[in-house]
Structures are given as structure tokens and as C-alpha cells.
């Protein structure tokens, strides 16, 4: 079967070039996905779920970070974590 079938471009490319094009397209899509994630909007103070997303960790890991010193703000039953505290926590644990 011709590996160029289904492209609809009327071009015939060697398999090595098709593979290279696929790799480039995959890398571009991956980079776009990462950039879209960075563009996520968060307020100054995050609930635990938002903080976990901001830090790119699971809720369980966030709980571990809190036990290791990530400060939280508690007002009544409301718990918030500042983005600044998250950034500083990461900086303090940078090797």
C-alpha cells in the first residue's frame, strides 16, 4: 500500500520525509498544547484544586507540599493558596 495515500495532495514523498513531517507536526502540536496550558488564567488566590493545576501536580502531591511547608490561608472553612506562595515554594525547593 502506498504510504502517501489519503494525503490528497497529489505528492509522492519518500517514507523518510513523511516520517520527518509527522515528527515535526507532532512536535508543533505538543508545543501548542503546552503553551495553551501556560495561558490558563488563575486568580491571585487559588483553591486546592486550582493550586494543584497551577503547580501541575495531583491533589495528593499538593497535600504533601502543604505538609512540607506550602502555606495556606484559612478563613473559616475556606482555604486558599496564593500563587506567590506556590512560586516561592518551588524556588525554595529548586536544586
PDB file of N, CA and C in Angstrom:
ATOM      1  N   UNK A   1       0.842  -1.183   0.000  1.00  0.00           N
ATOM      2  CA  UNK A   1       0.000   0.000   0.000  1.00  0.00           C
ATOM      3  C   UNK A   1       0.880   1.237   0.000  1.00  0.00           C
ATOM      4  N   UNK A   2       0.514   2.216  -0.768  1.00  0.00           N
ATOM      5  CA  UNK A   2       1.267   3.454  -0.866  1.00  0.00           C
ATOM      6  C   UNK A   2       1.084   4.258   0.419  1.00  0.00           C
ATOM      7  N   UNK A   3       2.193   4.596   1.088  1.00  0.00           N
ATOM      8  CA  UNK A   3       2.100   5.332   2.355  1.00  0.00           C
ATOM      9  C   UNK A   3       1.666   6.772   2.144  1.00  0.00           C
ATOM     10  N   UNK A   4       1.619   7.240   0.873  1.00  0.00           N
ATOM     11  CA  UNK A   4       1.169   8.597   0.583  1.00  0.00           C
ATOM     12  C   UNK A   4      -0.335   8.663   0.352  1.00  0.00           C
ATOM     13  N   UNK A   5      -1.004   7.527   0.304  1.00  0.00           N
ATOM     14  CA  UNK A   5      -2.443   7.502   0.054  1.00  0.00           C
ATOM     15  C   UNK A   5      -3.166   8.221   1.177  1.00  0.00           C
ATOM     16  N   UNK A   6      -4.183   8.948   0.815  1.00  0.00           N
ATOM     17  CA  UNK A   6      -5.002   9.623   1.803  1.00  0.00           C
ATOM     18  C   UNK A   6      -4.558  11.036   2.116  1.00  0.00           C
ATOM     19  N   UNK A   7      -3.397  11.466   1.614  1.00  0.00           N
ATOM     20  CA  UNK A   7      -2.969  12.834   1.852  1.00  0.00           C
ATOM     21  C   UNK A   7      -3.760  13.821   0.991  1.00  0.00           C
ATOM     22  N   UNK A   8      -4.204  13.373  -0.177  1.00  0.00           N
ATOM     23  CA  UNK A   8      -4.985  14.230  -1.048  1.00  0.00           C
ATOM     24  C   UNK A   8      -4.194  15.378  -1.640  1.00  0.00           C
ATOM     25  N   UNK A   9      -2.878  15.303  -1.608  1.00  0.00           N
ATOM     26  CA  UNK A   9      -2.047  16.385  -2.115  1.00  0.00           C
ATOM     27  C   UNK A   9      -1.506  16.109  -3.507  1.00  0.00           C
ATOM     28  N   UNK A  10      -1.601  14.909  -3.957  1.00  0.00           N
ATOM     29  CA  UNK A  10      -1.059  14.557  -5.250  1.00  0.00           C
ATOM     30  C   UNK A  10       0.457  14.524  -5.254  1.00  0.00           C
ATOM     31  N   UNK A  11       1.068  14.493  -4.090  1.00  0.00           N
ATOM     32  CA  UNK A  11       2.519  14.430  -3.981  1.00  0.00           C
ATOM     33  C   UNK A  11       2.940  13.023  -3.609  1.00  0.00           C
ATOM     34  N   UNK A  12       4.098  12.663  -4.085  1.00  0.00           N
ATOM     35  CA  UNK A  12       4.664  11.378  -3.697  1.00  0.00           C
ATOM     36  C   UNK A  12       5.976  11.686  -2.977  1.00  0.00           C
ATOM     37  N   UNK A  13       5.993  11.343  -1.706  1.00  0.00           N
ATOM     38  CA  UNK A  13       7.174  11.616  -0.887  1.00  0.00           C
ATOM     39  C   UNK A  13       7.744  10.303  -0.371  1.00  0.00           C
ATOM     40  N   UNK A  14       9.045  10.264  -0.214  1.00  0.00           N
ATOM     41  CA  UNK A  14       9.649   9.071   0.370  1.00  0.00           C
ATOM     42  C   UNK A  14       9.162   8.891   1.815  1.00  0.00           C
ATOM     43  N   UNK A  15       9.125   7.656   2.254  1.00  0.00           N
ATOM     44  CA  UNK A  15       8.678   7.370   3.614  1.00  0.00           C
ATOM     45  C   UNK A  15       9.486   8.136   4.659  1.00  0.00           C
ATOM     46  N   UNK A  16      10.765   8.325   4.421  1.00  0.00           N
ATOM     47  CA  UNK A  16      11.597   9.057   5.386  1.00  0.00           C
ATOM     48  C   UNK A  16      11.125  10.499   5.535  1.00  0.00           C
ATOM     49  N   UNK A  17      10.700  11.116   4.442  1.00  0.00           N
ATOM     50  CA  UNK A  17      10.203  12.501   4.508  1.00  0.00           C
ATOM     51  C   UNK A  17       8.840  12.563   5.184  1.00  0.00           C
ATOM     52  N   UNK A  18       7.999  11.566   4.926  1.00  0.00           N
ATOM     53  CA  UNK A  18       6.696  11.517   5.606  1.00  0.00           C
ATOM     54  C   UNK A  18       6.883  11.374   7.109  1.00  0.00           C
ATOM     55  N   UNK A  19       7.825  10.532   7.486  1.00  0.00           N
ATOM     56  CA  UNK A  19       8.099  10.335   8.906  1.00  0.00           C
ATOM     57  C   UNK A  19       8.602  11.631   9.528  1.00  0.00           C
ATOM     58  N   UNK A  20       9.480  12.324   8.830  1.00  0.00           N
ATOM     59  CA  UNK A  20      10.010  13.594   9.328  1.00  0.00           C
ATOM     60  C   UNK A  20       8.892  14.619   9.470  1.00  0.00           C
ATOM     61  N   UNK A  21       7.986  14.681   8.491  1.00  0.00           N
ATOM     62  CA  UNK A  21       6.852  15.615   8.557  1.00  0.00           C
ATOM     63  C   UNK A  21       5.944  15.283   9.740  1.00  0.00           C
ATOM     64  N   UNK A  22       5.682  14.004   9.945  1.00  0.00           N
ATOM     65  CA  UNK A  22       4.850  13.600  11.083  1.00  0.00           C
ATOM     66  C   UNK A  22       5.488  14.022  12.404  1.00  0.00           C
ATOM     67  N   UNK A  23       6.802  13.833  12.510  1.00  0.00           N
ATOM     68  CA  UNK A  23       7.508  14.215  13.733  1.00  0.00           C
ATOM     69  C   UNK A  23       7.444  15.724  13.969  1.00  0.00           C
ATOM     70  N   UNK A  24       7.620  16.495  12.915  1.00  0.00           N
ATOM     71  CA  UNK A  24       7.547  17.953  13.037  1.00  0.00           C
ATOM     72  C   UNK A  24       6.142  18.373  13.450  1.00  0.00           C
ATOM     73  N   UNK A  25       5.134  17.789  12.838  1.00  0.00           N
ATOM     74  CA  UNK A  25       3.749  18.132  13.177  1.00  0.00           C
ATOM     75  C   UNK A  25       3.433  17.736  14.615  1.00  0.00           C
ATOM     76  N   UNK A  26       3.929  16.589  15.054  1.00  0.00           N
ATOM     77  CA  UNK A  26       3.714  16.138  16.423  1.00  0.00           C
ATOM     78  C   UNK A  26       4.359  17.119  17.406  1.00  0.00           C
ATOM     79  N   UNK A  27       5.596  17.521  17.124  1.00  0.00           N
ATOM     80  CA  UNK A  27       6.293  18.473  17.991  1.00  0.00           C
ATOM     81  C   UNK A  27       5.555  19.805  18.049  1.00  0.00           C
ATOM     82  N   UNK A  28       5.048  20.273  16.917  1.00  0.00           N
ATOM     83  CA  UNK A  28       4.307  21.535  16.886  1.00  0.00           C
ATOM     84  C   UNK A  28       3.024  21.438  17.704  1.00  0.00           C
ATOM     85  N   UNK A  29       2.320  20.333  17.575  1.00  0.00           N
ATOM     86  CA  UNK A  29       1.080  20.140  18.331  1.00  0.00           C
ATOM     87  C   UNK A  29       1.376  20.057  19.824  1.00  0.00           C
ATOM     88  N   UNK A  30       2.434  19.359  20.188  1.00  0.00           N
ATOM     89  CA  UNK A  30       2.818  19.238  21.592  1.00  0.00           C
ATOM     90  C   UNK A  30       3.181  20.606  22.165  1.00  0.00           C
ATOM     91  N   UNK A  31       3.949  21.386  21.434  1.00  0.00           N
ATOM     92  CA  UNK A  31       4.315  22.724  21.893  1.00  0.00           C
ATOM     93  C   UNK A  31       3.085  23.615  22.048  1.00  0.00           C
ATOM     94  N   UNK A  32       2.159  23.527  21.104  1.00  0.00           N
ATOM     95  CA  UNK A  32       0.931  24.329  21.190  1.00  0.00           C
ATOM     96  C   UNK A  32       0.117  23.946  22.410  1.00  0.00           C
ATOM     97  N   UNK A  33       0.041  22.656  22.698  1.00  0.00           N
ATOM     98  CA  UNK A  33      -0.687  22.177  23.876  1.00  0.00           C
ATOM     99  C   UNK A  33      -0.050  22.724  25.156  1.00  0.00           C
ATOM    100  N   UNK A  34       1.269  22.680  25.222  1.00  0.00           N
ATOM    101  CA  UNK A  34       1.971  23.178  26.408  1.00  0.00           C
ATOM    102  C   UNK A  34       1.749  24.680  26.571  1.00  0.00           C
ATOM    103  N   UNK A  35       1.822  25.419  25.478  1.00  0.00           N
ATOM    104  CA  UNK A  35       1.616  26.862  25.543  1.00  0.00           C
ATOM    105  C   UNK A  35       0.191  27.198  25.973  1.00  0.00           C
ATOM    106  N   UNK A  36      -0.776  26.428  25.501  1.00  0.00           N
ATOM    107  CA  UNK A  36      -2.173  26.663  25.890  1.00  0.00           C
ATOM    108  C   UNK A  36      -2.344  26.454  27.385  1.00  0.00           C
ATOM    109  N   UNK A  37      -1.687  25.454  27.932  1.00  0.00           N
ATOM    110  CA  UNK A  37      -1.758  25.202  29.369  1.00  0.00           C
ATOM    111  C   UNK A  37      -1.143  26.322  30.178  1.00  0.00           C
ATOM    112  N   UNK A  38      -0.063  26.913  29.672  1.00  0.00           N
ATOM    113  CA  UNK A  38       0.573  28.024  30.369  1.00  0.00           C
ATOM    114  C   UNK A  38      -0.331  29.249  30.382  1.00  0.00           C
ATOM    115  N   UNK A  39      -1.184  29.355  29.393  1.00  0.00           N
ATOM    116  CA  UNK A  39      -2.055  30.505  29.289  1.00  0.00           C
ATOM    117  C   UNK A  39      -3.282  30.428  30.175  1.00  0.00           C
ATOM    118  N   UNK A  40      -3.413  29.348  30.932  1.00  0.00           N
ATOM    119  CA  UNK A  40      -4.556  29.201  31.813  1.00  0.00           C
ATOM    120  C   UNK A  40      -4.591  30.363  32.787  1.00  0.00           C
ATOM    121  N   UNK A  41      -5.765  30.945  32.970  1.00  0.00           N
ATOM    122  CA  UNK A  41      -5.916  32.093  33.847  1.00  0.00           C
ATOM    123  C   UNK A  41      -6.270  31.652  35.257  1.00  0.00           C
ATOM    124  N   UNK A  42      -5.518  32.135  36.228  1.00  0.00           N
ATOM    125  CA  UNK A  42      -5.777  31.862  37.633  1.00  0.00           C
ATOM    126  C   UNK A  42      -5.803  33.194  38.357  1.00  0.00           C
ATOM    127  N   UNK A  43      -6.652  33.279  39.369  1.00  0.00           N
ATOM    128  CA  UNK A  43      -6.663  34.453  40.223  1.00  0.00           C
ATOM    129  C   UNK A  43      -5.448  34.448  41.130  1.00  0.00           C
ATOM    130  N   UNK A  44      -5.317  35.486  41.957  1.00  0.00           N
ATOM    131  CA  UNK A  44      -4.183  35.585  42.875  1.00  0.00           C
ATOM    132  C   UNK A  44      -4.228  34.498  43.943  1.00  0.00           C
ATOM    133  N   UNK A  45      -5.447  34.158  44.400  1.00  0.00           N
ATOM    134  CA  UNK A  45      -5.611  33.141  45.441  1.00  0.00           C
ATOM    135  C   UNK A  45      -6.361  31.947  44.865  1.00  0.00           C
ATOM    136  N   UNK A  46      -5.813  30.762  45.087  1.00  0.00           N
ATOM    137  CA  UNK A  46      -6.314  29.547  44.467  1.00  0.00           C
ATOM    138  C   UNK A  46      -6.923  28.612  45.503  1.00  0.00           C
ATOM    139  N   UNK A  47      -7.998  27.917  45.108  1.00  0.00           N
ATOM    140  CA  UNK A  47      -8.455  26.832  45.965  1.00  0.00           C
ATOM    141  C   UNK A  47      -7.499  25.656  45.728  1.00  0.00           C
ATOM    142  N   UNK A  48      -7.669  24.585  46.462  1.00  0.00           N
ATOM    143  CA  UNK A  48      -6.706  23.476  46.366  1.00  0.00           C
ATOM    144  C   UNK A  48      -6.668  22.850  44.974  1.00  0.00           C
ATOM    145  N   UNK A  49      -7.811  22.714  44.355  1.00  0.00           N
ATOM    146  CA  UNK A  49      -7.862  22.126  43.020  1.00  0.00           C
ATOM    147  C   UNK A  49      -7.129  23.011  42.011  1.00  0.00           C
ATOM    148  N   UNK A  50      -7.368  24.321  42.090  1.00  0.00           N
ATOM    149  CA  UNK A  50      -6.682  25.257  41.188  1.00  0.00           C
ATOM    150  C   UNK A  50      -5.179  25.276  41.458  1.00  0.00           C
ATOM    151  N   UNK A  51      -4.808  25.220  42.734  1.00  0.00           N
ATOM    152  CA  UNK A  51      -3.387  25.221  43.085  1.00  0.00           C
ATOM    153  C   UNK A  51      -2.687  23.987  42.520  1.00  0.00           C
ATOM    154  N   UNK A  52      -3.343  22.842  42.596  1.00  0.00           N
ATOM    155  CA  UNK A  52      -2.756  21.616  42.041  1.00  0.00           C
ATOM    156  C   UNK A  52      -2.563  21.762  40.531  1.00  0.00           C
ATOM    157  N   UNK A  53      -3.548  22.330  39.852  1.00  0.00           N
ATOM    158  CA  UNK A  53      -3.417  22.546  38.407  1.00  0.00           C
ATOM    159  C   UNK A  53      -2.305  23.549  38.116  1.00  0.00           C
ATOM    160  N   UNK A  54      -2.255  24.623  38.888  1.00  0.00           N
ATOM    161  CA  UNK A  54      -1.231  25.657  38.694  1.00  0.00           C
ATOM    162  C   UNK A  54       0.171  25.067  38.848  1.00  0.00           C
ATOM    163  N   UNK A  55       0.323  24.172  39.827  1.00  0.00           N
ATOM    164  CA  UNK A  55       1.622  23.557  40.088  1.00  0.00           C
ATOM    165  C   UNK A  55       1.881  22.321  39.234  1.00  0.00           C
ATOM    166  N   UNK A  56       0.867  21.897  38.472  1.00  0.00           N
ATOM    167  CA  UNK A  56       0.969  20.706  37.624  1.00  0.00           C
ATOM    168  C   UNK A  56       1.249  19.452  38.445  1.00  0.00           C
ATOM    169  N   UNK A  57       0.503  19.308  39.549  1.00  0.00           N
ATOM    170  CA  UNK A  57       0.634  18.130  40.406  1.00  0.00           C
ATOM    171  C   UNK A  57      -0.751  17.594  40.746  1.00  0.00           C
ATOM    172  N   UNK A  58      -0.794  16.411  41.315  1.00  0.00           N
ATOM    173  CA  UNK A  58      -2.058  15.828  41.754  1.00  0.00           C
ATOM    174  C   UNK A  58      -2.486  16.476  43.074  1.00  0.00           C
ATOM    175  N   UNK A  59      -3.735  16.258  43.454  1.00  0.00           N
ATOM    176  CA  UNK A  59      -4.219  16.769  44.741  1.00  0.00           C
ATOM    177  C   UNK A  59      -3.443  16.146  45.895  1.00  0.00           C
ATOM    178  N   UNK A  60      -3.095  14.867  45.771  1.00  0.00           N
ATOM    179  CA  UNK A  60      -2.324  14.194  46.818  1.00  0.00           C
ATOM    180  C   UNK A  60      -0.943  14.830  46.971  1.00  0.00           C
ATOM    181  N   UNK A  61      -0.308  15.171  45.868  1.00  0.00           N
ATOM    182  CA  UNK A  61       1.006  15.814  45.932  1.00  0.00           C
ATOM    183  C   UNK A  61       0.881  17.205  46.537  1.00  0.00           C
ATOM    184  N   UNK A  62      -0.181  17.920  46.204  1.00  0.00           N
ATOM    185  CA  UNK A  62      -0.405  19.237  46.803  1.00  0.00           C
ATOM    186  C   UNK A  62      -0.522  19.110  48.323  1.00  0.00           C
ATOM    187  N   UNK A  63      -1.251  18.116  48.787  1.00  0.00           N
ATOM    188  CA  UNK A  63      -1.381  17.887  50.225  1.00  0.00           C
ATOM    189  C   UNK A  63      -0.014  17.623  50.849  1.00  0.00           C
ATOM    190  N   UNK A  64       0.832  16.898  50.143  1.00  0.00           N
ATOM    191  CA  UNK A  64       2.195  16.650  50.624  1.00  0.00           C
ATOM    192  C   UNK A  64       2.980  17.956  50.675  1.00  0.00           C
ATOM    193  N   UNK A  65       2.839  18.796  49.642  1.00  0.00           N
ATOM    194  CA  UNK A  65       3.522  20.092  49.629  1.00  0.00           C
ATOM    195  C   UNK A  65       3.099  20.928  50.833  1.00  0.00           C
ATOM    196  N   UNK A  66       1.815  20.901  51.163  1.00  0.00           N
ATOM    197  CA  UNK A  66       1.306  21.660  52.311  1.00  0.00           C
ATOM    198  C   UNK A  66       1.946  21.143  53.599  1.00  0.00           C
ATOM    199  N   UNK A  67       2.055  19.819  53.717  1.00  0.00           N
ATOM    200  CA  UNK A  67       2.680  19.246  54.919  1.00  0.00           C
ATOM    201  C   UNK A  67       4.171  19.567  54.980  1.00  0.00           C
ATOM    202  N   UNK A  68       4.771  19.879  53.814  1.00  0.00           N
ATOM    203  CA  UNK A  68       6.193  20.225  53.758  1.00  0.00           C
ATOM    204  C   UNK A  68       6.426  21.731  53.858  1.00  0.00           C
ATOM    205  N   UNK A  69       5.333  22.488  54.061  1.00  0.00           N
ATOM    206  CA  UNK A  69       5.532  23.914  54.316  1.00  0.00           C
ATOM    207  C   UNK A  69       4.879  24.889  53.348  1.00  0.00           C
ATOM    208  N   UNK A  70       4.201  24.413  52.328  1.00  0.00           N
ATOM    209  CA  UNK A  70       3.488  25.334  51.441  1.00  0.00           C
ATOM    210  C   UNK A  70       2.393  26.005  52.261  1.00  0.00           C
ATOM    211  N   UNK A  71       2.467  27.327  52.432  1.00  0.00           N
ATOM    212  CA  UNK A  71       1.495  27.986  53.305  1.00  0.00           C
ATOM    213  C   UNK A  71       0.103  28.077  52.686  1.00  0.00           C
ATOM    214  N   UNK A  72      -0.906  27.918  53.522  1.00  0.00           N
ATOM    215  CA  UNK A  72      -2.286  28.083  53.098  1.00  0.00           C
ATOM    216  C   UNK A  72      -2.932  29.156  53.959  1.00  0.00           C
ATOM    217  N   UNK A  73      -3.918  29.808  53.402  1.00  0.00           N
ATOM    218  CA  UNK A  73      -4.695  30.827  54.099  1.00  0.00           C
ATOM    219  C   UNK A  73      -6.010  30.175  54.490  1.00  0.00           C
ATOM    220  N   UNK A  74      -6.371  30.266  55.764  1.00  0.00           N
ATOM    221  CA  UNK A  74      -7.612  29.666  56.241  1.00  0.00           C
ATOM    222  C   UNK A  74      -8.468  30.765  56.867  1.00  0.00           C
ATOM    223  N   UNK A  75      -9.665  30.931  56.333  1.00  0.00           N
ATOM    224  CA  UNK A  75     -10.649  31.865  56.882  1.00  0.00           C
ATOM    225  C   UNK A  75     -11.941  31.074  57.031  1.00  0.00           C
ATOM    226  N   UNK A  76     -12.277  30.729  58.258  1.00  0.00           N
ATOM    227  CA  UNK A  76     -13.441  29.876  58.484  1.00  0.00           C
ATOM    228  C   UNK A  76     -13.206  28.522  57.838  1.00  0.00           C
ATOM    229  N   UNK A  77     -14.114  28.131  56.953  1.00  0.00           N
ATOM    230  CA  UNK A  77     -13.971  26.855  56.231  1.00  0.00           C
ATOM    231  C   UNK A  77     -13.301  27.012  54.866  1.00  0.00           C
ATOM    232  N   UNK A  78     -12.886  28.219  54.563  1.00  0.00           N
ATOM    233  CA  UNK A  78     -12.292  28.496  53.249  1.00  0.00           C
ATOM    234  C   UNK A  78     -10.776  28.394  53.337  1.00  0.00           C
ATOM    235  N   UNK A  79     -10.196  27.644  52.414  1.00  0.00           N
ATOM    236  CA  UNK A  79      -8.743  27.512  52.340  1.00  0.00           C
ATOM    237  C   UNK A  79      -8.288  28.008  50.966  1.00  0.00           C
ATOM    238  N   UNK A  80      -7.298  28.866  50.971  1.00  0.00           N
ATOM    239  CA  UNK A  80      -6.744  29.382  49.724  1.00  0.00           C
ATOM    240  C   UNK A  80      -5.223  29.333  49.792  1.00  0.00           C
ATOM    241  N   UNK A  81      -4.620  29.271  48.616  1.00  0.00           N
ATOM    242  CA  UNK A  81      -3.168  29.258  48.481  1.00  0.00           C
ATOM    243  C   UNK A  81      -2.818  30.332  47.462  1.00  0.00           C
ATOM    244  N   UNK A  82      -1.900  31.203  47.817  1.00  0.00           N
ATOM    245  CA  UNK A  82      -1.551  32.265  46.881  1.00  0.00           C
ATOM    246  C   UNK A  82      -0.605  31.741  45.801  1.00  0.00           C
ATOM    247  N   UNK A  83      -0.729  32.289  44.607  1.00  0.00           N
ATOM    248  CA  UNK A  83       0.185  31.906  43.523  1.00  0.00           C
ATOM    249  C   UNK A  83       1.616  32.253  43.911  1.00  0.00           C
ATOM    250  N   UNK A  84       1.779  33.390  44.583  1.00  0.00           N
ATOM    251  CA  UNK A  84       3.116  33.801  45.012  1.00  0.00           C
ATOM    252  C   UNK A  84       3.731  32.756  45.933  1.00  0.00           C
ATOM    253  N   UNK A  85       2.922  32.229  46.874  1.00  0.00           N
ATOM    254  CA  UNK A  85       3.421  31.190  47.785  1.00  0.00           C
ATOM    255  C   UNK A  85       3.817  29.934  47.006  1.00  0.00           C
ATOM    256  N   UNK A  86       3.034  29.580  45.985  1.00  0.00           N
ATOM    257  CA  UNK A  86       3.366  28.407  45.151  1.00  0.00           C
ATOM    258  C   UNK A  86       4.700  28.613  44.452  1.00  0.00           C
ATOM    259  N   UNK A  87       4.870  29.792  43.852  1.00  0.00           N
ATOM    260  CA  UNK A  87       6.113  30.084  43.139  1.00  0.00           C
ATOM    261  C   UNK A  87       7.305  30.082  44.090  1.00  0.00           C
ATOM    262  N   UNK A  88       7.135  30.686  45.264  1.00  0.00           N
ATOM    263  CA  UNK A  88       8.220  30.723  46.249  1.00  0.00           C
ATOM    264  C   UNK A  88       8.549  29.324  46.757  1.00  0.00           C
ATOM    265  N   UNK A  89       7.525  28.483  46.951  1.00  0.00           N
ATOM    266  CA  UNK A  89       7.745  27.108  47.414  1.00  0.00           C
ATOM    267  C   UNK A  89       8.607  26.368  46.391  1.00  0.00           C
ATOM    268  N   UNK A  90       8.280  26.510  45.112  1.00  0.00           N
ATOM    269  CA  UNK A  90       9.090  25.856  44.077  1.00  0.00           C
ATOM    270  C   UNK A  90      10.519  26.394  44.071  1.00  0.00           C
ATOM    271  N   UNK A  91      10.666  27.699  44.228  1.00  0.00           N
ATOM    272  CA  UNK A  91      12.011  28.297  44.240  1.00  0.00           C
ATOM    273  C   UNK A  91      12.827  27.764  45.426  1.00  0.00           C
ATOM    274  N   UNK A  92      12.180  27.634  46.580  1.00  0.00           N
ATOM    275  CA  UNK A  92      12.880  27.140  47.771  1.00  0.00           C
ATOM    276  C   UNK A  92      13.333  25.691  47.625  1.00  0.00           C
ATOM    277  N   UNK A  93      12.662  24.943  46.765  1.00  0.00           N
ATOM    278  CA  UNK A  93      12.979  23.528  46.608  1.00  0.00           C
ATOM    279  C   UNK A  93      13.739  23.237  45.321  1.00  0.00           C
ATOM    280  N   UNK A  94      14.197  24.285  44.697  1.00  0.00           N
ATOM    281  CA  UNK A  94      14.989  24.120  43.464  1.00  0.00           C
ATOM    282  C   UNK A  94      16.373  23.598  43.821  1.00  0.00           C
ATOM    283  N   UNK A  95      16.826  22.608  43.082  1.00  0.00           N
ATOM    284  CA  UNK A  95      18.146  22.029  43.335  1.00  0.00           C
ATOM    285  C   UNK A  95      19.223  22.800  42.625  1.00  0.00           C
TER     286      UNK A  95
END
